[in-house]
Each structure stands twice: as C-alpha cells, then as structure tokens.
Amino acid sequence: MAKIKKGDQVLVIAGKEKGKQGAVLSVSEDRVKVEGLNLVKKHQKPNRVTGAEGGIVTQEASLHISNVAILNATTQKADRIGYQVIDGVKTRVYKSNGESVAVAK
C-alpha cells in the first residue's frame, strides 16, 4: 500500500534527480510520476483523430516509489508517514513530529 498520494509534495532521495522536489502527478502500484522531474523525450506519431501533432515531445517518466519521500512542510526535509485514528477518522501523520499531513489536492 502506497503512503504517497497524488498531489503530495515529494523529495527525490535517490537517482539522477536526487535532491529535487515536486508534486506527484500520478501513483500506480510501485511507481510515481513527479511534475517536472525525470523528463524523457518521446517520438510521437501524428494522430488525426485526437489532433495530436507528430514530433519529439518531452514528458515525465515514472520513478520507483522507494526513491521518493514525502516532504514535511514545516521542517522542509524528507519524512516518513504513519497512520493515526483521530476523532474516528484515519489520517496520515508525519513520523518525526506527529503532525497530520496536509490533504492532497
């Protein structure tokens, strides 16, 4: 179960993009796409139906979820996430200080 959700601010902790941060665009199984990171070039054919032009497009490639960590807004450092039941609602909390994680957009 992934503790990182779409819209979370994450910090890359391993790989060629180490130290950079961005918002999560999508999460699937064990991979995440982060806005503006791990950019790759893709050769795309034109498509009349969708109106897409052909050419070389730049897009985000996925990163393994173990290479990113959620960014704690108060400390501006990578943090881990746990779960707590507060007032009968299961919420995500930072392990370092116990504050609840801001709701993903």
N, C-alpha and C. Protein backbone atom coordinates (compact mmCIF):
# COMPACT_ATOMS: atom_id res chain seq x y z
N MET A 1 0.84 -1.18 0.00
CA MET A 1 0.00 0.00 0.00
C MET A 1 0.89 1.24 0.00
N ALA A 2 0.69 2.10 -0.98
CA ALA A 2 1.50 3.31 -1.09
C ALA A 2 0.98 4.38 -0.13
N LYS A 3 1.88 4.99 0.60
CA LYS A 3 1.51 6.04 1.53
C LYS A 3 1.62 7.42 0.87
N ILE A 4 2.12 7.45 -0.35
CA ILE A 4 2.23 8.69 -1.11
C ILE A 4 1.03 8.77 -2.03
N LYS A 5 0.39 9.92 -2.06
CA LYS A 5 -0.83 10.11 -2.86
C LYS A 5 -0.63 11.21 -3.89
N LYS A 6 -1.52 11.25 -4.87
CA LYS A 6 -1.49 12.26 -5.91
C LYS A 6 -1.63 13.65 -5.28
N GLY A 7 -0.77 14.58 -5.70
CA GLY A 7 -0.81 15.94 -5.18
C GLY A 7 0.16 16.20 -4.05
N ASP A 8 0.75 15.16 -3.45
CA ASP A 8 1.72 15.34 -2.37
C ASP A 8 3.01 15.96 -2.90
N GLN A 9 3.65 16.78 -2.07
CA GLN A 9 4.97 17.30 -2.38
C GLN A 9 5.98 16.25 -1.93
N VAL A 10 6.85 15.82 -2.85
CA VAL A 10 7.84 14.79 -2.52
C VAL A 10 9.24 15.28 -2.83
N LEU A 11 10.21 14.64 -2.20
CA LEU A 11 11.62 14.90 -2.40
C LEU A 11 12.25 13.62 -2.93
N VAL A 12 13.04 13.73 -4.00
CA VAL A 12 13.71 12.56 -4.56
C VAL A 12 14.94 12.28 -3.71
N ILE A 13 15.06 11.04 -3.20
CA ILE A 13 16.15 10.71 -2.29
C ILE A 13 17.20 9.81 -2.92
N ALA A 14 16.98 9.37 -4.18
CA ALA A 14 17.96 8.52 -4.85
C ALA A 14 17.83 8.68 -6.35
N GLY A 15 18.92 8.46 -7.07
CA GLY A 15 18.90 8.52 -8.52
C GLY A 15 19.45 9.83 -9.06
N LYS A 16 19.33 10.01 -10.36
CA LYS A 16 19.92 11.19 -11.01
C LYS A 16 19.23 12.49 -10.64
N GLU A 17 18.00 12.42 -10.16
CA GLU A 17 17.24 13.61 -9.76
C GLU A 17 17.30 13.86 -8.25
N LYS A 18 18.24 13.23 -7.56
CA LYS A 18 18.35 13.31 -6.10
C LYS A 18 18.42 14.76 -5.63
N GLY A 19 17.62 15.08 -4.61
CA GLY A 19 17.61 16.41 -4.03
C GLY A 19 16.54 17.33 -4.59
N LYS A 20 15.94 16.97 -5.70
CA LYS A 20 14.91 17.80 -6.31
C LYS A 20 13.55 17.46 -5.73
N GLN A 21 12.62 18.41 -5.82
CA GLN A 21 11.30 18.18 -5.28
C GLN A 21 10.23 18.61 -6.27
N GLY A 22 9.03 18.06 -6.10
CA GLY A 22 7.92 18.38 -6.97
C GLY A 22 6.64 17.72 -6.49
N ALA A 23 5.55 18.00 -7.18
CA ALA A 23 4.25 17.43 -6.84
C ALA A 23 4.03 16.13 -7.59
N VAL A 24 3.37 15.18 -6.94
CA VAL A 24 3.08 13.89 -7.55
C VAL A 24 1.92 14.05 -8.53
N LEU A 25 2.14 13.62 -9.78
CA LEU A 25 1.09 13.68 -10.80
C LEU A 25 0.23 12.44 -10.79
N SER A 26 0.87 11.27 -10.61
CA SER A 26 0.11 10.02 -10.57
C SER A 26 0.88 8.97 -9.79
N VAL A 27 0.12 8.03 -9.23
CA VAL A 27 0.69 6.91 -8.49
C VAL A 27 0.09 5.64 -9.05
N SER A 28 0.96 4.67 -9.39
CA SER A 28 0.47 3.37 -9.86
C SER A 28 1.36 2.29 -9.28
N GLU A 29 0.73 1.36 -8.55
CA GLU A 29 1.42 0.23 -7.93
C GLU A 29 2.66 0.68 -7.17
N ASP A 30 3.86 0.57 -7.78
CA ASP A 30 5.09 0.93 -7.09
C ASP A 30 5.86 2.03 -7.80
N ARG A 31 5.16 2.82 -8.64
CA ARG A 31 5.82 3.89 -9.39
C ARG A 31 5.04 5.19 -9.25
N VAL A 32 5.76 6.31 -9.30
CA VAL A 32 5.13 7.63 -9.23
C VAL A 32 5.69 8.53 -10.33
N LYS A 33 4.86 9.44 -10.82
CA LYS A 33 5.30 10.47 -11.75
C LYS A 33 5.32 11.78 -10.98
N VAL A 34 6.46 12.49 -11.06
CA VAL A 34 6.62 13.74 -10.33
C VAL A 34 6.73 14.87 -11.34
N GLU A 35 6.01 15.94 -11.10
CA GLU A 35 5.94 17.07 -12.01
C GLU A 35 7.32 17.69 -12.24
N GLY A 36 7.75 17.73 -13.51
CA GLY A 36 9.00 18.37 -13.90
C GLY A 36 10.26 17.57 -13.63
N LEU A 37 10.15 16.32 -13.20
CA LEU A 37 11.32 15.51 -12.90
C LEU A 37 11.36 14.26 -13.77
N ASN A 38 12.56 13.73 -13.99
CA ASN A 38 12.78 12.52 -14.77
C ASN A 38 12.19 12.66 -16.18
N LEU A 39 12.53 13.78 -16.83
CA LEU A 39 12.00 14.06 -18.16
C LEU A 39 12.68 13.20 -19.22
N VAL A 40 11.89 12.70 -20.15
CA VAL A 40 12.39 11.89 -21.26
C VAL A 40 11.79 12.42 -22.55
N LYS A 41 12.47 12.14 -23.66
CA LYS A 41 11.98 12.52 -24.99
C LYS A 41 11.26 11.33 -25.60
N LYS A 42 10.11 11.59 -26.21
CA LYS A 42 9.34 10.53 -26.85
C LYS A 42 9.03 10.94 -28.28
N HIS A 43 9.28 10.04 -29.21
CA HIS A 43 8.95 10.29 -30.61
C HIS A 43 7.50 9.89 -30.83
N GLN A 44 6.67 10.87 -31.16
CA GLN A 44 5.24 10.64 -31.26
C GLN A 44 4.75 10.81 -32.69
N LYS A 45 3.96 9.86 -33.16
CA LYS A 45 3.38 9.94 -34.50
C LYS A 45 2.16 10.86 -34.47
N PRO A 46 1.89 11.56 -35.57
CA PRO A 46 0.69 12.39 -35.60
C PRO A 46 -0.58 11.53 -35.59
N ASN A 47 -1.63 12.06 -34.99
CA ASN A 47 -2.89 11.33 -34.91
C ASN A 47 -4.02 12.29 -35.31
N ARG A 48 -4.71 11.99 -36.40
CA ARG A 48 -5.78 12.86 -36.88
C ARG A 48 -6.99 12.85 -35.96
N VAL A 49 -7.25 11.72 -35.35
CA VAL A 49 -8.44 11.58 -34.51
C VAL A 49 -8.35 12.49 -33.29
N THR A 50 -7.23 12.46 -32.56
CA THR A 50 -7.08 13.28 -31.36
C THR A 50 -6.53 14.66 -31.68
N GLY A 51 -6.04 14.85 -32.88
CA GLY A 51 -5.47 16.15 -33.26
C GLY A 51 -4.06 16.36 -32.76
N ALA A 52 -3.43 15.29 -32.28
CA ALA A 52 -2.06 15.40 -31.76
C ALA A 52 -1.08 15.52 -32.92
N GLU A 53 -0.17 16.48 -32.79
CA GLU A 53 0.86 16.65 -33.80
C GLU A 53 1.97 15.64 -33.58
N GLY A 54 2.65 15.32 -34.64
CA GLY A 54 3.79 14.42 -34.53
C GLY A 54 5.04 15.19 -34.15
N GLY A 55 6.06 14.49 -33.73
CA GLY A 55 7.33 15.13 -33.38
C GLY A 55 7.90 14.55 -32.10
N ILE A 56 8.88 15.24 -31.57
CA ILE A 56 9.53 14.80 -30.34
C ILE A 56 8.93 15.60 -29.19
N VAL A 57 8.32 14.89 -28.25
CA VAL A 57 7.71 15.54 -27.09
C VAL A 57 8.48 15.15 -25.83
N THR A 58 8.50 16.07 -24.88
CA THR A 58 9.15 15.82 -23.59
C THR A 58 8.06 15.56 -22.56
N GLN A 59 8.23 14.48 -21.80
CA GLN A 59 7.25 14.14 -20.78
C GLN A 59 7.93 13.52 -19.57
N GLU A 60 7.18 13.46 -18.45
CA GLU A 60 7.72 12.87 -17.23
C GLU A 60 7.66 11.35 -17.31
N ALA A 61 8.75 10.71 -16.93
CA ALA A 61 8.77 9.25 -16.80
C ALA A 61 8.59 8.94 -15.31
N SER A 62 8.18 7.72 -15.02
CA SER A 62 7.92 7.36 -13.63
C SER A 62 9.20 7.04 -12.87
N LEU A 63 9.15 7.26 -11.57
CA LEU A 63 10.23 6.91 -10.64
C LEU A 63 9.71 5.81 -9.73
N HIS A 64 10.60 4.98 -9.22
CA HIS A 64 10.17 3.97 -8.26
C HIS A 64 9.81 4.67 -6.96
N ILE A 65 8.77 4.19 -6.33
CA ILE A 65 8.24 4.85 -5.13
C ILE A 65 9.24 4.86 -3.97
N SER A 66 10.19 3.91 -3.97
CA SER A 66 11.20 3.87 -2.91
C SER A 66 12.24 4.97 -3.07
N ASN A 67 12.28 5.61 -4.24
CA ASN A 67 13.26 6.67 -4.48
C ASN A 67 12.73 8.05 -4.14
N VAL A 68 11.50 8.14 -3.64
CA VAL A 68 10.94 9.43 -3.23
C VAL A 68 10.44 9.33 -1.79
N ALA A 69 10.44 10.47 -1.12
CA ALA A 69 9.91 10.56 0.25
C ALA A 69 9.07 11.82 0.33
N ILE A 70 8.03 11.77 1.13
CA ILE A 70 7.15 12.93 1.27
C ILE A 70 7.92 14.06 1.96
N LEU A 71 7.63 15.29 1.55
CA LEU A 71 8.31 16.46 2.07
C LEU A 71 7.48 17.04 3.22
N ASN A 72 8.11 17.15 4.40
CA ASN A 72 7.45 17.75 5.55
C ASN A 72 7.53 19.26 5.38
N ALA A 73 6.39 19.93 5.30
CA ALA A 73 6.34 21.35 5.01
C ALA A 73 6.96 22.20 6.13
N THR A 74 6.85 21.76 7.36
CA THR A 74 7.38 22.56 8.47
C THR A 74 8.89 22.47 8.58
N THR A 75 9.46 21.28 8.37
CA THR A 75 10.90 21.11 8.51
C THR A 75 11.64 21.21 7.18
N GLN A 76 10.92 21.16 6.05
CA GLN A 76 11.50 21.16 4.71
C GLN A 76 12.49 20.02 4.51
N LYS A 77 12.19 18.86 5.13
CA LYS A 77 13.02 17.67 4.99
C LYS A 77 12.14 16.49 4.62
N ALA A 78 12.78 15.44 4.11
CA ALA A 78 12.06 14.21 3.80
C ALA A 78 11.59 13.57 5.09
N ASP A 79 10.42 12.95 5.04
CA ASP A 79 9.85 12.35 6.24
C ASP A 79 9.14 11.06 5.87
N ARG A 80 8.83 10.28 6.90
CA ARG A 80 8.05 9.05 6.72
C ARG A 80 6.63 9.30 7.20
N ILE A 81 5.72 8.42 6.77
CA ILE A 81 4.31 8.61 7.10
C ILE A 81 3.79 7.43 7.89
N GLY A 82 2.95 7.74 8.87
CA GLY A 82 2.24 6.73 9.62
C GLY A 82 0.76 7.08 9.62
N TYR A 83 -0.04 6.22 10.23
CA TYR A 83 -1.47 6.46 10.29
C TYR A 83 -1.92 6.52 11.74
N GLN A 84 -2.86 7.41 12.04
CA GLN A 84 -3.47 7.51 13.36
C GLN A 84 -4.97 7.70 13.19
N VAL A 85 -5.73 7.21 14.13
CA VAL A 85 -7.17 7.45 14.12
C VAL A 85 -7.43 8.63 15.05
N ILE A 86 -7.88 9.74 14.45
CA ILE A 86 -8.16 10.96 15.20
C ILE A 86 -9.65 11.26 15.05
N ASP A 87 -10.37 11.27 16.16
CA ASP A 87 -11.83 11.50 16.17
C ASP A 87 -12.56 10.53 15.25
N GLY A 88 -12.13 9.28 15.22
CA GLY A 88 -12.78 8.26 14.42
C GLY A 88 -12.44 8.30 12.94
N VAL A 89 -11.48 9.15 12.55
CA VAL A 89 -11.08 9.26 11.14
C VAL A 89 -9.61 8.87 11.01
N LYS A 90 -9.32 7.96 10.09
CA LYS A 90 -7.94 7.54 9.86
C LYS A 90 -7.23 8.63 9.06
N THR A 91 -6.15 9.17 9.62
CA THR A 91 -5.41 10.24 8.95
C THR A 91 -3.94 9.90 8.85
N ARG A 92 -3.29 10.49 7.85
CA ARG A 92 -1.84 10.32 7.68
C ARG A 92 -1.12 11.35 8.55
N VAL A 93 -0.07 10.90 9.23
CA VAL A 93 0.72 11.79 10.09
C VAL A 93 2.21 11.59 9.80
N TYR A 94 2.99 12.66 10.02
CA TYR A 94 4.44 12.56 9.88
C TYR A 94 5.00 11.81 11.08
N LYS A 95 5.96 10.93 10.82
CA LYS A 95 6.57 10.14 11.90
C LYS A 95 7.43 11.02 12.81
N SER A 96 8.08 12.05 12.27
CA SER A 96 9.02 12.85 13.05
C SER A 96 8.36 13.70 14.11
N ASN A 97 7.23 14.34 13.78
CA ASN A 97 6.62 15.26 14.75
C ASN A 97 5.15 14.96 15.05
N GLY A 98 4.55 14.00 14.39
CA GLY A 98 3.18 13.60 14.68
C GLY A 98 2.11 14.53 14.11
N GLU A 99 2.49 15.55 13.35
CA GLU A 99 1.51 16.44 12.72
C GLU A 99 0.81 15.72 11.60
N SER A 100 -0.44 16.09 11.34
CA SER A 100 -1.15 15.44 10.24
C SER A 100 -0.68 16.03 8.91
N VAL A 101 -0.71 15.18 7.89
CA VAL A 101 -0.26 15.56 6.55
C VAL A 101 -1.36 16.39 5.91
N ALA A 102 -0.97 17.47 5.23
CA ALA A 102 -1.94 18.31 4.53
C ALA A 102 -2.61 17.46 3.45
N VAL A 103 -3.90 17.64 3.26
CA VAL A 103 -4.68 16.86 2.31
C VAL A 103 -4.20 17.14 0.90
N ALA A 104 -3.98 16.07 0.14
CA ALA A 104 -3.54 16.20 -1.25
C ALA A 104 -4.63 16.85 -2.07
N LYS A 105 -4.22 17.67 -3.05
CA LYS A 105 -5.18 18.38 -3.89
C LYS A 105 -5.75 17.49 -4.96
